[in-house]
Amino acid sequence: MKTAMFMGARRFEVRDAETPSPGPGEVLVRMRNIGVCGSDLHFFRGDFPLPPEFILGHECAGEIAALGENVHGLAAGDQVALELFGVCLTCAQCRSGDYQLCVSRKAFGINTAGGLREYMVLPAYTAYRLPPGVDAELGALCEPLAVAVHGLRLANITFGDRVAVLGAGTIGLCAIAAARAMGAGYIAATAKHPQQREMALAMGADDVFAPGADGAGQMAKALGGGDVVVETVGGHADTFAQTLTLVGTRGRIVILGAFTAPVQFHPIMLFLKEPTIHGANCYGRGGRRSDYEMAIEIVRRDPERMRRLITHRFPLAAVADAYATADDKASGAIKVTITP
């Protein structure tokens, strides 16, 4: 099989490797689509170190090629979205459904080898069968969409809520789509680039504003005190402080962006508004349905709306070009995908 090895900043090599076989409780998946995530770009640029010859890729979907022993509920040929966590299944967090907080968690494509290859062996519990009408490239979108669903679920979004989304990268756009599907009455968003503004409106935003203090001020007037404010920018941005300006009295704030530096804010806003702030780490299970199952259902209801997020498609042999395109906002990229 072909495997894309990350060799260091902005460098990949596509090599031949032996096709693995599934063990007990595992499945062999023929990878069909892998999305390039914003977190992947930190590795691509060399911001965060990785071991040599690492395999990236955690937004994945494919086809079941073979089953190991004691695998039930799946069959060869099933089209599946892949929730790329390896967890213990026995700790208190796993038993409660908060398996994203498992102390033994391994994230495929981040701290253990991921999906940029033709075949991959995974625990069977990571595979979610896709419904008719949802193909592999839509299935791979379920990973970032599940991140947004998880945050909104923690914020207990309810019908008619007024929602602000800061940032219109993939996670921000998925947050807009998820908020619309989960009953938001009004959605305002910020977007830095023209293609992001257009896509935010396509995903269901009512109004889109420029980032920064001026845009946040205009958004605050339009919003009138947000019931839910979703931060998706992270990095070195000042968007955490903006959430406290935008949120209404006893509103809910969700932090989806990965901040890489300490943030500053005025604590008086906590005193005056009594907001609830939720950190949101990937996705888990709340009650009977997992965040992944909810994401798959959102895609099933409106597949072509979600497909609009995909702006560029590359074969595995052009993996370096795919990552470079995703890293260059002048390319017009929203979601770049790779097909092994």
Protein backbone atom coordinates (compact mmCIF):
# COMPACT_ATOMS: atom_id res chain seq x y z
CA MET A 1 0.00 0.00 0.00
CA LYS A 2 0.99 3.66 -0.38
CA THR A 3 1.72 5.70 2.76
CA ALA A 4 2.47 9.42 3.05
CA MET A 5 5.27 10.02 5.54
CA PHE A 6 5.74 13.48 7.02
CA MET A 7 9.48 14.13 6.91
CA GLY A 8 9.70 17.56 8.52
CA ALA A 9 8.53 21.10 7.82
CA ARG A 10 6.66 21.19 4.48
CA ARG A 11 8.07 17.81 3.35
CA PHE A 12 6.36 14.48 2.65
CA GLU A 13 7.46 11.24 1.02
CA VAL A 14 4.98 8.73 -0.40
CA ARG A 15 6.34 5.23 0.19
CA ASP A 16 5.33 1.62 -0.23
CA ALA A 17 4.46 -0.23 2.98
CA GLU A 18 3.02 -3.61 3.88
CA THR A 19 -0.76 -3.73 4.18
CA PRO A 20 -1.62 -4.54 7.83
CA SER A 21 -4.09 -7.16 9.07
CA PRO A 22 -6.73 -6.56 11.76
CA GLY A 23 -6.47 -8.29 15.11
CA PRO A 24 -9.30 -9.16 17.53
CA GLY A 25 -11.71 -6.25 17.93
CA GLU A 26 -10.16 -4.39 14.99
CA VAL A 27 -11.10 -3.52 11.43
CA LEU A 28 -9.00 -2.93 8.33
CA VAL A 29 -10.23 0.22 6.57
CA ARG A 30 -9.53 1.13 2.96
CA MET A 31 -9.07 4.87 3.37
CA ARG A 32 -11.11 6.87 0.87
CA ASN A 33 -10.86 10.46 2.05
CA ILE A 34 -8.73 12.47 4.49
CA GLY A 35 -9.28 16.14 5.27
CA VAL A 36 -6.48 18.58 6.09
CA CYS A 37 -7.18 20.10 9.52
CA GLY A 38 -5.93 23.45 10.79
CA SER A 39 -4.05 21.62 13.54
CA ASP A 40 -2.27 19.58 10.83
CA LEU A 41 -0.93 22.83 9.40
CA HIS A 42 0.90 23.59 12.66
CA PHE A 43 2.82 20.34 12.13
CA PHE A 44 3.27 21.07 8.41
CA ARG A 45 4.83 24.46 9.13
CA GLY A 46 7.08 22.99 11.81
CA ASP A 47 5.41 24.87 14.68
CA PHE A 48 5.08 21.67 16.72
CA PRO A 49 7.66 18.86 16.60
CA LEU A 50 6.81 15.37 15.36
CA PRO A 51 8.90 12.19 15.24
CA PRO A 52 10.48 11.39 11.87
CA GLU A 53 8.35 9.59 9.28
CA PHE A 54 5.11 10.35 11.10
CA ILE A 55 1.73 9.67 9.44
CA LEU A 56 -0.67 12.60 9.75
CA GLY A 57 -4.43 12.62 9.09
CA HIS A 58 -7.36 12.47 11.52
CA GLU A 59 -10.36 13.64 9.46
CA CYS A 60 -10.98 10.29 7.80
CA ALA A 61 -13.56 8.10 6.12
CA GLY A 62 -13.28 4.87 4.21
CA GLU A 63 -14.57 1.38 3.53
CA ILE A 64 -14.34 -1.69 5.74
CA ALA A 65 -11.96 -4.07 3.95
CA ALA A 66 -11.66 -6.84 6.56
CA LEU A 67 -12.81 -7.66 10.09
CA GLY A 68 -10.81 -9.07 12.96
CA GLU A 69 -12.25 -11.62 15.38
CA ASN A 70 -15.10 -10.61 17.69
CA VAL A 71 -16.21 -7.63 15.61
CA HIS A 72 -19.98 -7.28 15.40
CA GLY A 73 -22.30 -4.78 13.72
CA LEU A 74 -19.98 -4.09 10.79
CA ALA A 75 -19.37 -5.87 7.49
CA ALA A 76 -16.86 -5.74 4.68
CA GLY A 77 -17.92 -3.06 2.22
CA ASP A 78 -19.51 -0.77 4.82
CA GLN A 79 -18.77 2.91 4.23
CA VAL A 80 -17.64 4.44 7.53
CA ALA A 81 -16.60 7.69 9.17
CA LEU A 82 -13.76 7.22 11.63
CA GLU A 83 -13.57 8.68 15.11
CA LEU A 84 -9.83 8.55 15.50
CA PHE A 85 -9.40 7.98 19.23
CA GLY A 86 -7.91 4.97 20.90
CA VAL A 87 -9.24 4.80 24.47
CA CYS A 88 -9.24 2.30 27.35
CA LEU A 89 -13.06 1.89 27.54
CA THR A 90 -12.80 1.10 31.28
CA CYS A 91 -11.92 4.35 33.14
CA ALA A 92 -14.56 6.59 34.72
CA GLN A 93 -14.41 9.00 31.80
CA CYS A 94 -14.94 6.29 29.21
CA ARG A 95 -17.79 4.72 31.19
CA SER A 96 -19.56 8.08 31.51
CA GLY A 97 -19.31 8.83 27.77
CA ASP A 98 -16.57 11.43 28.20
CA TYR A 99 -14.02 9.22 26.49
CA GLN A 100 -12.38 12.30 24.97
CA LEU A 101 -10.98 12.85 28.49
CA CYS A 102 -9.61 9.30 28.89
CA VAL A 103 -6.14 9.53 30.42
CA SER A 104 -5.00 6.75 28.07
CA ARG A 105 -6.39 8.41 24.94
CA LYS A 106 -4.35 8.23 21.78
CA ALA A 107 -5.34 10.54 18.94
CA PHE A 108 -4.54 8.95 15.59
CA GLY A 109 -2.76 11.41 13.33
CA ILE A 110 -1.71 13.61 16.26
CA ASN A 111 0.16 11.53 18.84
CA THR A 112 0.07 8.20 17.05
CA ALA A 113 0.06 7.32 13.35
CA GLY A 114 -2.94 8.58 11.38
CA GLY A 115 -4.79 8.04 8.14
CA LEU A 116 -2.67 9.36 5.25
CA ARG A 117 -2.31 5.91 3.70
CA GLU A 118 -4.31 3.46 1.65
CA TYR A 119 -5.14 1.05 4.50
CA MET A 120 -5.30 1.44 8.27
CA VAL A 121 -6.13 -0.90 11.15
CA LEU A 122 -8.34 0.64 13.83
CA PRO A 123 -10.42 -0.45 16.83
CA ALA A 124 -13.86 -1.39 15.55
CA TYR A 125 -15.53 1.04 17.96
CA THR A 126 -14.05 3.97 15.99
CA ALA A 127 -16.05 3.13 12.84
CA TYR A 128 -19.49 4.70 12.29
CA ARG A 129 -21.48 3.34 9.36
CA LEU A 130 -22.49 6.09 6.93
CA PRO A 131 -26.11 6.31 5.75
CA PRO A 132 -27.10 6.26 2.06
CA GLY A 133 -26.30 9.54 0.35
CA VAL A 134 -23.29 10.28 2.57
CA ASP A 135 -20.08 9.43 0.73
CA ALA A 136 -16.50 9.35 1.98
CA GLU A 137 -15.67 13.01 1.48
CA LEU A 138 -18.77 13.96 3.45
CA GLY A 139 -17.92 11.29 5.99
CA ALA A 140 -14.51 12.86 6.59
CA LEU A 141 -16.25 16.18 7.34
CA CYS A 142 -18.01 14.52 10.27
CA GLU A 143 -14.85 14.87 12.38
CA PRO A 144 -14.69 18.70 12.48
CA LEU A 145 -18.48 18.84 12.57
CA ALA A 146 -18.51 16.59 15.65
CA VAL A 147 -16.12 19.03 17.35
CA ALA A 148 -18.67 21.81 16.83
CA VAL A 149 -21.59 19.62 17.90
CA HIS A 150 -19.75 18.75 21.11
CA GLY A 151 -19.19 22.39 22.02
CA LEU A 152 -22.78 23.38 21.33
CA ARG A 153 -24.06 20.40 23.28
CA LEU A 154 -21.97 21.44 26.29
CA ALA A 155 -23.46 24.93 25.97
CA ASN A 156 -26.95 23.39 25.98
CA ILE A 157 -28.02 25.23 22.84
CA THR A 158 -31.80 25.49 22.65
CA PHE A 159 -34.35 26.44 20.01
CA GLY A 160 -34.28 30.15 19.20
CA ASP A 161 -30.90 30.92 20.83
CA ARG A 162 -28.93 33.86 19.50
CA VAL A 163 -25.47 32.56 18.62
CA ALA A 164 -22.18 34.29 17.83
CA VAL A 165 -19.35 32.38 16.15
CA LEU A 166 -15.89 33.94 16.18
CA GLY A 167 -13.86 32.70 13.22
CA ALA A 168 -14.84 31.11 9.91
CA GLY A 169 -12.24 28.42 9.43
CA THR A 170 -13.51 24.87 9.14
CA ILE A 171 -14.47 24.61 12.84
CA GLY A 172 -16.22 27.99 12.80
CA LEU A 173 -18.13 27.09 9.64
CA CYS A 174 -19.09 23.73 11.12
CA ALA A 175 -20.24 25.54 14.28
CA ILE A 176 -22.51 27.71 12.12
CA ALA A 177 -23.95 24.67 10.34
CA ALA A 178 -24.41 22.78 13.62
CA ALA A 179 -26.02 25.75 15.37
CA ARG A 180 -28.48 26.14 12.50
CA ALA A 181 -29.30 22.42 12.55
CA MET A 182 -29.70 22.47 16.35
CA GLY A 183 -32.30 25.25 16.30
CA ALA A 184 -30.48 28.58 16.62
CA GLY A 185 -32.74 31.53 15.92
CA TYR A 186 -30.04 33.99 14.83
CA ILE A 187 -26.38 33.39 13.99
CA ALA A 188 -23.71 36.06 13.64
CA ALA A 189 -20.14 35.23 12.64
CA THR A 190 -16.79 36.84 11.96
CA ALA A 191 -14.74 36.03 8.86
CA LYS A 192 -11.31 37.22 7.81
CA HIS A 193 -11.22 36.20 4.15
CA PRO A 194 -13.80 36.72 1.34
CA GLN A 195 -14.24 32.99 0.74
CA GLN A 196 -14.88 32.49 4.47
CA ARG A 197 -17.53 35.22 4.50
CA GLU A 198 -19.31 33.65 1.54
CA MET A 199 -19.12 30.19 3.11
CA ALA A 200 -20.37 31.41 6.50
CA LEU A 201 -23.53 32.69 4.81
CA ALA A 202 -23.88 29.41 2.90
CA MET A 203 -23.61 27.43 6.15
CA GLY A 204 -26.47 29.42 7.70
CA ALA A 205 -25.12 32.63 9.24
CA ASP A 206 -27.54 35.54 9.21
CA ASP A 207 -24.84 38.22 9.40
CA VAL A 208 -21.06 38.16 8.95
CA PHE A 209 -18.69 40.78 10.36
CA ALA A 210 -15.00 41.56 10.02
CA PRO A 211 -12.73 40.25 12.80
CA GLY A 212 -11.21 42.61 15.36
CA ALA A 213 -12.60 45.21 17.70
CA ASP A 214 -14.68 47.09 15.10
CA GLY A 215 -16.34 43.93 13.83
CA ALA A 216 -16.97 42.69 17.35
CA GLY A 217 -18.61 46.01 18.22
CA GLN A 218 -20.91 45.79 15.21
CA MET A 219 -21.69 42.17 16.03
CA ALA A 220 -22.53 43.06 19.63
CA LYS A 221 -25.12 45.60 18.44
CA ALA A 222 -26.70 43.11 16.02
CA LEU A 223 -26.62 40.28 18.55
CA GLY A 224 -28.08 42.16 21.48
CA GLY A 225 -26.45 39.85 24.03
CA GLY A 226 -25.64 36.36 22.83
CA ASP A 227 -27.15 33.27 24.40
CA VAL A 228 -24.20 31.23 23.10
CA VAL A 229 -20.81 32.54 21.94
CA VAL A 230 -18.47 30.10 20.19
CA GLU A 231 -14.75 30.92 19.95
CA THR A 232 -12.95 29.01 17.16
CA VAL A 233 -9.85 31.12 16.41
CA GLY A 234 -7.40 30.38 19.24
CA GLY A 235 -3.71 30.95 18.56
CA HIS A 236 -2.60 34.41 19.66
CA ALA A 237 -5.94 36.10 18.99
CA ASP A 238 -7.79 38.34 21.45
CA THR A 239 -11.05 36.53 20.80
CA PHE A 240 -11.45 35.19 24.35
CA ALA A 241 -11.92 38.76 25.57
CA GLN A 242 -14.38 39.37 22.74
CA THR A 243 -16.57 36.48 23.91
CA LEU A 244 -17.13 38.31 27.21
CA THR A 245 -18.24 41.41 25.33
CA LEU A 246 -20.63 39.49 23.13
CA VAL A 247 -22.23 37.14 25.64
CA GLY A 248 -25.46 38.16 27.33
CA THR A 249 -26.38 37.87 30.99
CA ARG A 250 -25.93 34.27 32.09
CA GLY A 251 -25.08 33.31 28.53
CA ARG A 252 -22.79 30.43 27.62
CA ILE A 253 -19.32 30.65 26.08
CA VAL A 254 -17.67 27.72 24.27
CA ILE A 255 -13.92 27.67 23.60
CA LEU A 256 -13.14 25.52 20.56
CA GLY A 257 -10.01 27.36 19.41
CA ALA A 258 -6.62 26.07 20.55
CA PHE A 259 -4.84 29.01 22.15
CA THR A 260 -1.06 28.94 21.95
CA ALA A 261 -0.45 31.90 24.28
CA PRO A 262 -1.99 33.22 27.52
CA VAL A 263 -5.03 35.45 27.08
CA GLN A 264 -6.00 38.69 28.80
CA PHE A 265 -9.51 39.71 29.80
CA HIS A 266 -11.19 41.93 32.38
CA PRO A 267 -12.71 39.77 35.15
CA ILE A 268 -15.36 42.42 35.83
CA MET A 269 -17.28 40.97 32.87
CA LEU A 270 -17.59 37.67 34.74
CA PHE A 271 -18.92 39.56 37.74
CA LEU A 272 -21.44 41.60 35.76
CA LYS A 273 -22.81 38.92 33.43
CA GLU A 274 -22.37 35.61 35.28
CA PRO A 275 -21.62 33.67 32.09
CA THR A 276 -20.74 29.98 31.98
CA ILE A 277 -17.52 29.16 30.12
CA HIS A 278 -17.08 25.71 28.58
CA GLY A 279 -13.81 24.31 27.35
CA ALA A 280 -14.62 21.78 24.62
CA ASN A 281 -12.17 18.97 23.83
CA CYS A 282 -12.97 17.14 20.60
CA TYR A 283 -16.11 14.98 20.99
CA GLY A 284 -17.70 12.33 23.18
CA ARG A 285 -21.14 10.99 24.02
CA GLY A 286 -23.94 12.83 25.78
CA GLY A 287 -26.77 10.48 26.72
CA ARG A 288 -27.87 8.00 24.06
CA ARG A 289 -26.16 9.60 21.05
CA SER A 290 -22.52 10.40 20.47
CA ASP A 291 -21.46 13.72 19.02
CA TYR A 292 -20.27 11.79 15.97
CA GLU A 293 -23.71 10.28 15.43
CA MET A 294 -25.26 13.73 15.66
CA ALA A 295 -22.73 15.09 13.15
CA ILE A 296 -23.50 12.27 10.71
CA GLU A 297 -27.22 13.05 11.01
CA ILE A 298 -26.63 16.75 10.26
CA VAL A 299 -24.70 15.77 7.13
CA ARG A 300 -27.40 13.28 6.10
CA ARG A 301 -30.12 15.94 6.32
CA ASP A 302 -28.33 18.43 4.06
CA PRO A 303 -25.38 16.79 2.33
CA GLU A 304 -24.89 19.34 -0.42
CA ARG A 305 -24.72 22.25 2.00
CA MET A 306 -21.88 20.51 3.83
CA ARG A 307 -20.15 19.50 0.58
CA ARG A 308 -19.71 23.19 -0.25
CA LEU A 309 -17.01 23.32 2.43
CA ILE A 310 -14.74 21.20 0.22
CA THR A 311 -12.89 23.55 -2.11
CA HIS A 312 -9.85 21.51 -3.17
CA ARG A 313 -9.24 17.80 -3.81
CA PHE A 314 -5.86 16.08 -4.25
CA PRO A 315 -4.58 12.50 -4.71
CA LEU A 316 -2.25 11.01 -2.09
CA ALA A 317 0.70 11.43 -4.46
CA ALA A 318 0.22 15.23 -4.25
CA VAL A 319 -0.07 15.36 -0.46
CA ALA A 320 2.53 18.13 -0.10
CA ASP A 321 0.63 20.29 -2.60
CA ALA A 322 -2.58 19.63 -0.68
CA TYR A 323 -1.07 20.85 2.58
CA ALA A 324 0.55 23.87 0.91
CA THR A 325 -2.80 24.83 -0.62
CA ALA A 326 -4.56 24.52 2.73
CA ASP A 327 -1.87 26.68 4.31
CA ASP A 328 -2.27 29.45 1.72
CA LYS A 329 -5.50 31.39 2.29
CA ALA A 330 -4.87 33.26 -0.96
CA SER A 331 -5.69 29.94 -2.66
CA GLY A 332 -9.32 30.32 -1.61
CA ALA A 333 -9.11 27.09 0.37
CA ILE A 334 -11.70 26.18 2.97
CA LYS A 335 -11.44 22.41 3.27
CA VAL A 336 -8.76 20.54 1.35
CA THR A 337 -9.18 16.77 1.04
CA ILE A 338 -6.94 13.93 -0.06
CA THR A 339 -7.98 10.69 -1.75
CA PRO A 340 -5.56 7.74 -1.40
